[in-house]
Amino acid sequence: MTTSTTTTDHDTIRRWAEARDGNPALVRGTGEDGVLRIDFNEREERLDPINWDEFFRVFEQNNLAFLYQEKTADGSTSRFNKLVRRDTA
């Protein structure tokens, strides 16, 4: 069985992403601030790298929470994540 966890803790989010070689990014052309993503070095043309300070500025400004999974059903490290509104988390 796999479980997901939701957090707003910046250190937890950063540690989770970096442990999976993930980096903060914005999807270009998706509104004023853009849509946040964690880039796992599978470069998408519309992803622009940003620093963690910028990531968390947009994260807080948009009142987001980070939904993530530690392990997959077979026990391997999961990269599943999703940014959701805090009021729906």
PDB file of N, CA and C in Angstrom:
ATOM      1  N   MET A   1       0.840  -1.184   0.000  1.00  0.00           N
ATOM      2  CA  MET A   1       0.000   0.000   0.000  1.00  0.00           C
ATOM      3  C   MET A   1       0.882   1.243   0.000  1.00  0.00           C
ATOM      4  N   THR A   2       0.531   2.226  -0.801  1.00  0.00           N
ATOM      5  CA  THR A   2       1.272   3.471  -0.836  1.00  0.00           C
ATOM      6  C   THR A   2       0.450   4.566  -0.168  1.00  0.00           C
ATOM      7  N   THR A   3       1.138   5.453   0.501  1.00  0.00           N
ATOM      8  CA  THR A   3       0.451   6.563   1.147  1.00  0.00           C
ATOM      9  C   THR A   3       1.092   7.866   0.701  1.00  0.00           C
ATOM     10  N   SER A   4       0.285   8.896   0.681  1.00  0.00           N
ATOM     11  CA  SER A   4       0.775  10.228   0.354  1.00  0.00           C
ATOM     12  C   SER A   4       0.713  11.091   1.592  1.00  0.00           C
ATOM     13  N   THR A   5       1.599  12.050   1.656  1.00  0.00           N
ATOM     14  CA  THR A   5       1.685  12.978   2.768  1.00  0.00           C
ATOM     15  C   THR A   5       1.598  14.390   2.215  1.00  0.00           C
ATOM     16  N   THR A   6       1.019  15.284   2.985  1.00  0.00           N
ATOM     17  CA  THR A   6       0.941  16.679   2.581  1.00  0.00           C
ATOM     18  C   THR A   6       1.713  17.522   3.599  1.00  0.00           C
ATOM     19  N   THR A   7       2.487  18.484   3.093  1.00  0.00           N
ATOM     20  CA  THR A   7       3.249  19.369   3.966  1.00  0.00           C
ATOM     21  C   THR A   7       3.317  20.772   3.370  1.00  0.00           C
ATOM     22  N   THR A   8       3.582  21.731   4.247  1.00  0.00           N
ATOM     23  CA  THR A   8       3.895  23.089   3.809  1.00  0.00           C
ATOM     24  C   THR A   8       5.282  23.481   4.291  1.00  0.00           C
ATOM     25  N   ASP A   9       5.982  22.551   4.917  1.00  0.00           N
ATOM     26  CA  ASP A   9       7.315  22.816   5.475  1.00  0.00           C
ATOM     27  C   ASP A   9       8.359  22.895   4.359  1.00  0.00           C
ATOM     28  N   HIS A  10       8.970  24.046   4.235  1.00  0.00           N
ATOM     29  CA  HIS A  10       9.936  24.283   3.154  1.00  0.00           C
ATOM     30  C   HIS A  10      11.115  23.323   3.207  1.00  0.00           C
ATOM     31  N   ASP A  11      11.647  23.067   4.387  1.00  0.00           N
ATOM     32  CA  ASP A  11      12.799  22.166   4.512  1.00  0.00           C
ATOM     33  C   ASP A  11      12.448  20.743   4.087  1.00  0.00           C
ATOM     34  N   THR A  12      11.264  20.278   4.466  1.00  0.00           N
ATOM     35  CA  THR A  12      10.826  18.935   4.088  1.00  0.00           C
ATOM     36  C   THR A  12      10.702  18.815   2.568  1.00  0.00           C
ATOM     37  N   ILE A  13      10.102  19.821   1.950  1.00  0.00           N
ATOM     38  CA  ILE A  13       9.915  19.819   0.495  1.00  0.00           C
ATOM     39  C   ILE A  13      11.268  19.815  -0.208  1.00  0.00           C
ATOM     40  N   ARG A  14      12.153  20.679   0.231  1.00  0.00           N
ATOM     41  CA  ARG A  14      13.469  20.779  -0.413  1.00  0.00           C
ATOM     42  C   ARG A  14      14.264  19.486  -0.249  1.00  0.00           C
ATOM     43  N   ARG A  15      14.267  18.910   0.958  1.00  0.00           N
ATOM     44  CA  ARG A  15      14.986  17.650   1.202  1.00  0.00           C
ATOM     45  C   ARG A  15      14.423  16.521   0.339  1.00  0.00           C
ATOM     46  N   TRP A  16      13.081  16.425   0.263  1.00  0.00           N
ATOM     47  CA  TRP A  16      12.440  15.384  -0.532  1.00  0.00           C
ATOM     48  C   TRP A  16      12.875  15.512  -1.991  1.00  0.00           C
ATOM     49  N   ALA A  17      12.784  16.720  -2.544  1.00  0.00           N
ATOM     50  CA  ALA A  17      13.130  16.946  -3.952  1.00  0.00           C
ATOM     51  C   ALA A  17      14.609  16.664  -4.212  1.00  0.00           C
ATOM     52  N   GLU A  18      15.483  17.200  -3.392  1.00  0.00           N
ATOM     53  CA  GLU A  18      16.920  17.038  -3.614  1.00  0.00           C
ATOM     54  C   GLU A  18      17.369  15.593  -3.454  1.00  0.00           C
ATOM     55  N   ALA A  19      16.698  14.824  -2.595  1.00  0.00           N
ATOM     56  CA  ALA A  19      17.032  13.408  -2.430  1.00  0.00           C
ATOM     57  C   ALA A  19      16.732  12.620  -3.709  1.00  0.00           C
ATOM     58  N   ARG A  20      15.909  13.209  -4.583  1.00  0.00           N
ATOM     59  CA  ARG A  20      15.528  12.567  -5.845  1.00  0.00           C
ATOM     60  C   ARG A  20      16.107  13.321  -7.041  1.00  0.00           C
ATOM     61  N   ASP A  21      17.119  14.133  -6.785  1.00  0.00           N
ATOM     62  CA  ASP A  21      17.752  14.969  -7.808  1.00  0.00           C
ATOM     63  C   ASP A  21      16.758  15.917  -8.468  1.00  0.00           C
ATOM     64  N   GLY A  22      15.781  16.389  -7.696  1.00  0.00           N
ATOM     65  CA  GLY A  22      14.795  17.335  -8.199  1.00  0.00           C
ATOM     66  C   GLY A  22      15.210  18.770  -7.937  1.00  0.00           C
ATOM     67  N   ASN A  23      14.823  19.648  -8.841  1.00  0.00           N
ATOM     68  CA  ASN A  23      15.139  21.070  -8.734  1.00  0.00           C
ATOM     69  C   ASN A  23      13.879  21.890  -8.978  1.00  0.00           C
ATOM     70  N   PRO A  24      13.791  23.056  -8.345  1.00  0.00           N
ATOM     71  CA  PRO A  24      12.610  23.897  -8.520  1.00  0.00           C
ATOM     72  C   PRO A  24      12.558  24.485  -9.928  1.00  0.00           C
ATOM     73  N   ALA A  25      11.345  24.596 -10.457  1.00  0.00           N
ATOM     74  CA  ALA A  25      11.168  25.133 -11.803  1.00  0.00           C
ATOM     75  C   ALA A  25       9.786  25.770 -11.926  1.00  0.00           C
ATOM     76  N   LEU A  26       9.652  26.609 -12.947  1.00  0.00           N
ATOM     77  CA  LEU A  26       8.374  27.214 -13.319  1.00  0.00           C
ATOM     78  C   LEU A  26       8.035  26.791 -14.741  1.00  0.00           C
ATOM     79  N   VAL A  27       6.757  26.543 -14.985  1.00  0.00           N
ATOM     80  CA  VAL A  27       6.296  26.270 -16.340  1.00  0.00           C
ATOM     81  C   VAL A  27       6.062  27.618 -17.012  1.00  0.00           C
ATOM     82  N   ARG A  28       6.792  27.885 -18.056  1.00  0.00           N
ATOM     83  CA  ARG A  28       6.707  29.143 -18.787  1.00  0.00           C
ATOM     84  C   ARG A  28       5.341  29.311 -19.445  1.00  0.00           C
ATOM     85  N   GLY A  29       4.849  30.555 -19.438  1.00  0.00           N
ATOM     86  CA  GLY A  29       3.616  30.869 -20.144  1.00  0.00           C
ATOM     87  C   GLY A  29       2.354  30.410 -19.450  1.00  0.00           C
ATOM     88  N   THR A  30       2.389  30.332 -18.123  1.00  0.00           N
ATOM     89  CA  THR A  30       1.225  29.840 -17.387  1.00  0.00           C
ATOM     90  C   THR A  30       0.762  30.830 -16.329  1.00  0.00           C
ATOM     91  N   GLY A  31       0.637  32.094 -16.702  1.00  0.00           N
ATOM     92  CA  GLY A  31       0.135  33.092 -15.761  1.00  0.00           C
ATOM     93  C   GLY A  31       1.242  33.961 -15.214  1.00  0.00           C
ATOM     94  N   GLU A  32       0.849  34.851 -14.333  1.00  0.00           N
ATOM     95  CA  GLU A  32       1.760  35.859 -13.798  1.00  0.00           C
ATOM     96  C   GLU A  32       2.988  35.255 -13.134  1.00  0.00           C
ATOM     97  N   ASP A  33       2.775  34.328 -12.221  1.00  0.00           N
ATOM     98  CA  ASP A  33       3.899  33.702 -11.520  1.00  0.00           C
ATOM     99  C   ASP A  33       4.329  32.393 -12.157  1.00  0.00           C
ATOM    100  N   GLY A  34       3.520  31.843 -13.034  1.00  0.00           N
ATOM    101  CA  GLY A  34       3.818  30.539 -13.596  1.00  0.00           C
ATOM    102  C   GLY A  34       3.336  29.435 -12.672  1.00  0.00           C
ATOM    103  N   VAL A  35       3.452  28.219 -13.137  1.00  0.00           N
ATOM    104  CA  VAL A  35       3.066  27.050 -12.357  1.00  0.00           C
ATOM    105  C   VAL A  35       4.341  26.383 -11.856  1.00  0.00           C
ATOM    106  N   LEU A  36       4.382  26.134 -10.556  1.00  0.00           N
ATOM    107  CA  LEU A  36       5.559  25.501  -9.962  1.00  0.00           C
ATOM    108  C   LEU A  36       5.630  24.028 -10.316  1.00  0.00           C
ATOM    109  N   ARG A  37       6.849  23.545 -10.446  1.00  0.00           N
ATOM    110  CA  ARG A  37       7.103  22.130 -10.690  1.00  0.00           C
ATOM    111  C   ARG A  37       8.415  21.748 -10.027  1.00  0.00           C
ATOM    112  N   ILE A  38       8.581  20.471  -9.785  1.00  0.00           N
ATOM    113  CA  ILE A  38       9.877  19.918  -9.428  1.00  0.00           C
ATOM    114  C   ILE A  38      10.402  19.248 -10.702  1.00  0.00           C
ATOM    115  N   ASP A  39      11.560  19.682 -11.153  1.00  0.00           N
ATOM    116  CA  ASP A  39      12.174  19.165 -12.381  1.00  0.00           C
ATOM    117  C   ASP A  39      13.172  18.072 -11.997  1.00  0.00           C
ATOM    118  N   PHE A  40      12.965  16.878 -12.524  1.00  0.00           N
ATOM    119  CA  PHE A  40      13.841  15.749 -12.241  1.00  0.00           C
ATOM    120  C   PHE A  40      14.840  15.529 -13.372  1.00  0.00           C
ATOM    121  N   ASN A  41      15.283  16.628 -13.961  1.00  0.00           N
ATOM    122  CA  ASN A  41      16.295  16.614 -15.024  1.00  0.00           C
ATOM    123  C   ASN A  41      15.854  15.850 -16.254  1.00  0.00           C
ATOM    124  N   GLU A  42      14.565  15.820 -16.475  1.00  0.00           N
ATOM    125  CA  GLU A  42      14.001  15.285 -17.707  1.00  0.00           C
ATOM    126  C   GLU A  42      13.472  16.495 -18.447  1.00  0.00           C
ATOM    127  N   ARG A  43      14.391  17.307 -18.914  1.00  0.00           N
ATOM    128  CA  ARG A  43      14.080  18.641 -19.410  1.00  0.00           C
ATOM    129  C   ARG A  43      12.864  18.701 -20.306  1.00  0.00           C
ATOM    130  N   GLU A  44      11.949  19.522 -19.875  1.00  0.00           N
ATOM    131  CA  GLU A  44      10.796  19.875 -20.684  1.00  0.00           C
ATOM    132  C   GLU A  44      11.068  21.265 -21.224  1.00  0.00           C
ATOM    133  N   GLU A  45      10.713  21.488 -22.450  1.00  0.00           N
ATOM    134  CA  GLU A  45      11.023  22.739 -23.110  1.00  0.00           C
ATOM    135  C   GLU A  45      10.462  23.951 -22.365  1.00  0.00           C
ATOM    136  N   ARG A  46       9.300  23.814 -21.771  1.00  0.00           N
ATOM    137  CA  ARG A  46       8.663  24.952 -21.113  1.00  0.00           C
ATOM    138  C   ARG A  46       9.055  25.127 -19.657  1.00  0.00           C
ATOM    139  N   LEU A  47       9.946  24.315 -19.129  1.00  0.00           N
ATOM    140  CA  LEU A  47      10.360  24.447 -17.729  1.00  0.00           C
ATOM    141  C   LEU A  47      11.557  25.382 -17.616  1.00  0.00           C
ATOM    142  N   ASP A  48      11.426  26.377 -16.764  1.00  0.00           N
ATOM    143  CA  ASP A  48      12.528  27.292 -16.481  1.00  0.00           C
ATOM    144  C   ASP A  48      13.022  27.044 -15.060  1.00  0.00           C
ATOM    145  N   PRO A  49      14.315  26.758 -14.890  1.00  0.00           N
ATOM    146  CA  PRO A  49      14.842  26.567 -13.540  1.00  0.00           C
ATOM    147  C   PRO A  49      14.741  27.860 -12.738  1.00  0.00           C
ATOM    148  N   ILE A  50      14.434  27.731 -11.453  1.00  0.00           N
ATOM    149  CA  ILE A  50      14.416  28.861 -10.525  1.00  0.00           C
ATOM    150  C   ILE A  50      15.134  28.422  -9.262  1.00  0.00           C
ATOM    151  N   ASN A  51      15.414  29.364  -8.370  1.00  0.00           N
ATOM    152  CA  ASN A  51      16.044  28.984  -7.107  1.00  0.00           C
ATOM    153  C   ASN A  51      14.958  28.667  -6.075  1.00  0.00           C
ATOM    154  N   TRP A  52      15.388  28.080  -4.975  1.00  0.00           N
ATOM    155  CA  TRP A  52      14.424  27.685  -3.947  1.00  0.00           C
ATOM    156  C   TRP A  52      13.719  28.885  -3.338  1.00  0.00           C
ATOM    157  N   ASP A  53      14.393  30.022  -3.199  1.00  0.00           N
ATOM    158  CA  ASP A  53      13.735  31.210  -2.641  1.00  0.00           C
ATOM    159  C   ASP A  53      12.553  31.631  -3.506  1.00  0.00           C
ATOM    160  N   GLU A  54      12.755  31.646  -4.816  1.00  0.00           N
ATOM    161  CA  GLU A  54      11.678  32.009  -5.740  1.00  0.00           C
ATOM    162  C   GLU A  54      10.561  30.965  -5.701  1.00  0.00           C
ATOM    163  N   PHE A  55      10.926  29.694  -5.651  1.00  0.00           N
ATOM    164  CA  PHE A  55       9.940  28.620  -5.565  1.00  0.00           C
ATOM    165  C   PHE A  55       9.036  28.832  -4.352  1.00  0.00           C
ATOM    166  N   PHE A  56       9.638  29.068  -3.200  1.00  0.00           N
ATOM    167  CA  PHE A  56       8.844  29.205  -1.982  1.00  0.00           C
ATOM    168  C   PHE A  56       8.095  30.535  -1.916  1.00  0.00           C
ATOM    169  N   ARG A  57       8.573  31.565  -2.595  1.00  0.00           N
ATOM    170  CA  ARG A  57       7.829  32.823  -2.674  1.00  0.00           C
ATOM    171  C   ARG A  57       6.505  32.581  -3.402  1.00  0.00           C
ATOM    172  N   VAL A  58       6.580  31.909  -4.552  1.00  0.00           N
ATOM    173  CA  VAL A  58       5.375  31.602  -5.325  1.00  0.00           C
ATOM    174  C   VAL A  58       4.498  30.603  -4.559  1.00  0.00           C
ATOM    175  N   PHE A  59       5.116  29.629  -3.926  1.00  0.00           N
ATOM    176  CA  PHE A  59       4.423  28.619  -3.124  1.00  0.00           C
ATOM    177  C   PHE A  59       3.559  29.290  -2.050  1.00  0.00           C
ATOM    178  N   GLU A  60       4.145  30.214  -1.308  1.00  0.00           N
ATOM    179  CA  GLU A  60       3.409  30.902  -0.240  1.00  0.00           C
ATOM    180  C   GLU A  60       2.382  31.876  -0.810  1.00  0.00           C
ATOM    181  N   GLN A  61       2.754  32.601  -1.828  1.00  0.00           N
ATOM    182  CA  GLN A  61       1.856  33.586  -2.437  1.00  0.00           C
ATOM    183  C   GLN A  61       0.572  32.921  -2.941  1.00  0.00           C
ATOM    184  N   ASN A  62       0.699  31.689  -3.423  1.00  0.00           N
ATOM    185  CA  ASN A  62      -0.452  30.972  -3.956  1.00  0.00           C
ATOM    186  C   ASN A  62      -1.092  30.015  -2.953  1.00  0.00           C
ATOM    187  N   ASN A  63      -0.629  30.081  -1.703  1.00  0.00           N
ATOM    188  CA  ASN A  63      -1.215  29.292  -0.621  1.00  0.00           C
ATOM    189  C   ASN A  63      -1.260  27.804  -0.959  1.00  0.00           C
ATOM    190  N   LEU A  64      -0.088  27.280  -1.354  1.00  0.00           N
ATOM    191  CA  LEU A  64       0.003  25.889  -1.790  1.00  0.00           C
ATOM    192  C   LEU A  64       0.481  24.954  -0.688  1.00  0.00           C
ATOM    193  N   ALA A  65       0.216  23.690  -0.880  1.00  0.00           N
ATOM    194  CA  ALA A  65       0.750  22.606  -0.058  1.00  0.00           C
ATOM    195  C   ALA A  65       1.373  21.594  -1.006  1.00  0.00           C
ATOM    196  N   PHE A  66       2.310  20.813  -0.490  1.00  0.00           N
ATOM    197  CA  PHE A  66       3.045  19.827  -1.284  1.00  0.00           C
ATOM    198  C   PHE A  66       2.563  18.437  -0.904  1.00  0.00           C
ATOM    199  N   LEU A  67       1.961  17.745  -1.851  1.00  0.00           N
ATOM    200  CA  LEU A  67       1.501  16.381  -1.674  1.00  0.00           C
ATOM    201  C   LEU A  67       2.561  15.475  -2.283  1.00  0.00           C
ATOM    202  N   TYR A  68       3.047  14.508  -1.522  1.00  0.00           N
ATOM    203  CA  TYR A  68       4.142  13.678  -2.015  1.00  0.00           C
ATOM    204  C   TYR A  68       4.068  12.268  -1.462  1.00  0.00           C
ATOM    205  N   GLN A  69       4.850  11.405  -2.075  1.00  0.00           N
ATOM    206  CA  GLN A  69       4.906  10.000  -1.704  1.00  0.00           C
ATOM    207  C   GLN A  69       6.369   9.618  -1.508  1.00  0.00           C
ATOM    208  N   GLU A  70       6.664   8.889  -0.446  1.00  0.00           N
ATOM    209  CA  GLU A  70       8.039   8.447  -0.186  1.00  0.00           C
ATOM    210  C   GLU A  70       8.413   7.220  -1.017  1.00  0.00           C
ATOM    211  N   LYS A  71       7.511   6.234  -1.043  1.00  0.00           N
ATOM    212  CA  LYS A  71       7.791   4.945  -1.701  1.00  0.00           C
ATOM    213  C   LYS A  71       6.656   4.570  -2.640  1.00  0.00           C
ATOM    214  N   THR A  72       6.990   3.834  -3.688  1.00  0.00           N
ATOM    215  CA  THR A  72       5.981   3.285  -4.586  1.00  0.00           C
ATOM    216  C   THR A  72       5.426   1.992  -3.990  1.00  0.00           C
ATOM    217  N   ALA A  73       4.442   1.416  -4.640  1.00  0.00           N
ATOM    218  CA  ALA A  73       3.837   0.170  -4.156  1.00  0.00           C
ATOM    219  C   ALA A  73       4.855  -0.961  -4.052  1.00  0.00           C
ATOM    220  N   ASP A  74       5.871  -0.957  -4.921  1.00  0.00           N
ATOM    221  CA  ASP A  74       6.880  -2.025  -4.866  1.00  0.00           C
ATOM    222  C   ASP A  74       8.037  -1.706  -3.927  1.00  0.00           C
ATOM    223  N   GLY A  75       7.944  -0.562  -3.219  1.00  0.00           N
ATOM    224  CA  GLY A  75       8.951  -0.219  -2.225  1.00  0.00           C
ATOM    225  C   GLY A  75      10.093   0.646  -2.720  1.00  0.00           C
ATOM    226  N   SER A  76      10.106   0.979  -4.001  1.00  0.00           N
ATOM    227  CA  SER A  76      11.182   1.836  -4.502  1.00  0.00           C
ATOM    228  C   SER A  76      10.866   3.309  -4.225  1.00  0.00           C
ATOM    229  N   THR A  77      11.872   4.140  -4.362  1.00  0.00           N
ATOM    230  CA  THR A  77      11.723   5.565  -4.098  1.00  0.00           C
ATOM    231  C   THR A  77      10.759   6.184  -5.104  1.00  0.00           C
ATOM    232  N   SER A  78       9.788   6.923  -4.587  1.00  0.00           N
ATOM    233  CA  SER A  78       8.779   7.546  -5.446  1.00  0.00           C
ATOM    234  C   SER A  78       9.146   8.996  -5.737  1.00  0.00           C
ATOM    235  N   ARG A  79       8.818   9.438  -6.931  1.00  0.00           N
ATOM    236  CA  ARG A  79       8.951  10.850  -7.292  1.00  0.00           C
ATOM    237  C   ARG A  79       7.579  11.504  -7.435  1.00  0.00           C
ATOM    238  N   PHE A  80       6.519  10.783  -7.051  1.00  0.00           N
ATOM    239  CA  PHE A  80       5.177  11.349  -7.153  1.00  0.00           C
ATOM    240  C   PHE A  80       5.060  12.574  -6.257  1.00  0.00           C
ATOM    241  N   ASN A  81       4.614  13.676  -6.854  1.00  0.00           N
ATOM    242  CA  ASN A  81       4.343  14.886  -6.090  1.00  0.00           C
ATOM    243  C   ASN A  81       3.334  15.728  -6.832  1.00  0.00           C
ATOM    244  N   LYS A  82       2.671  16.564  -6.087  1.00  0.00           N
ATOM    245  CA  LYS A  82       1.672  17.452  -6.669  1.00  0.00           C
ATOM    246  C   LYS A  82       1.547  18.662  -5.758  1.00  0.00           C
ATOM    247  N   LEU A  83       1.441  19.820  -6.368  1.00  0.00           N
ATOM    248  CA  LEU A  83       1.194  21.043  -5.597  1.00  0.00           C
ATOM    249  C   LEU A  83      -0.307  21.306  -5.609  1.00  0.00           C
ATOM    250  N   VAL A  84      -0.875  21.427  -4.424  1.00  0.00           N
ATOM    251  CA  VAL A  84      -2.320  21.607  -4.269  1.00  0.00           C
ATOM    252  C   VAL A  84      -2.597  22.832  -3.415  1.00  0.00           C
ATOM    253  N   ARG A  85      -3.797  23.349  -3.538  1.00  0.00           N
ATOM    254  CA  ARG A  85      -4.192  24.477  -2.686  1.00  0.00           C
ATOM    255  C   ARG A  85      -4.339  23.983  -1.247  1.00  0.00           C
ATOM    256  N   ARG A  86      -3.899  24.784  -0.305  1.00  0.00           N
ATOM    257  CA  ARG A  86      -3.966  24.380   1.100  1.00  0.00           C
ATOM    258  C   ARG A  86      -5.398  24.145   1.571  1.00  0.00           C
ATOM    259  N   ASP A  87      -6.332  24.896   1.042  1.00  0.00           N
ATOM    260  CA  ASP A  87      -7.707  24.732   1.498  1.00  0.00           C
ATOM    261  C   ASP A  87      -8.363  23.457   0.983  1.00  0.00           C
ATOM    262  N   THR A  88      -7.705  22.745   0.074  1.00  0.00           N
ATOM    263  CA  THR A  88      -8.230  21.463  -0.408  1.00  0.00           C
ATOM    264  C   THR A  88      -7.364  20.293   0.016  1.00  0.00           C
ATOM    265  N   ALA A  89      -6.245  20.581   0.686  1.00  0.00           N
ATOM    266  CA  ALA A  89      -5.286  19.522   1.050  1.00  0.00           C
ATOM    267  C   ALA A  89      -5.788  18.681   2.211  1.00  0.00           C
TER     268      ALA A  89
END
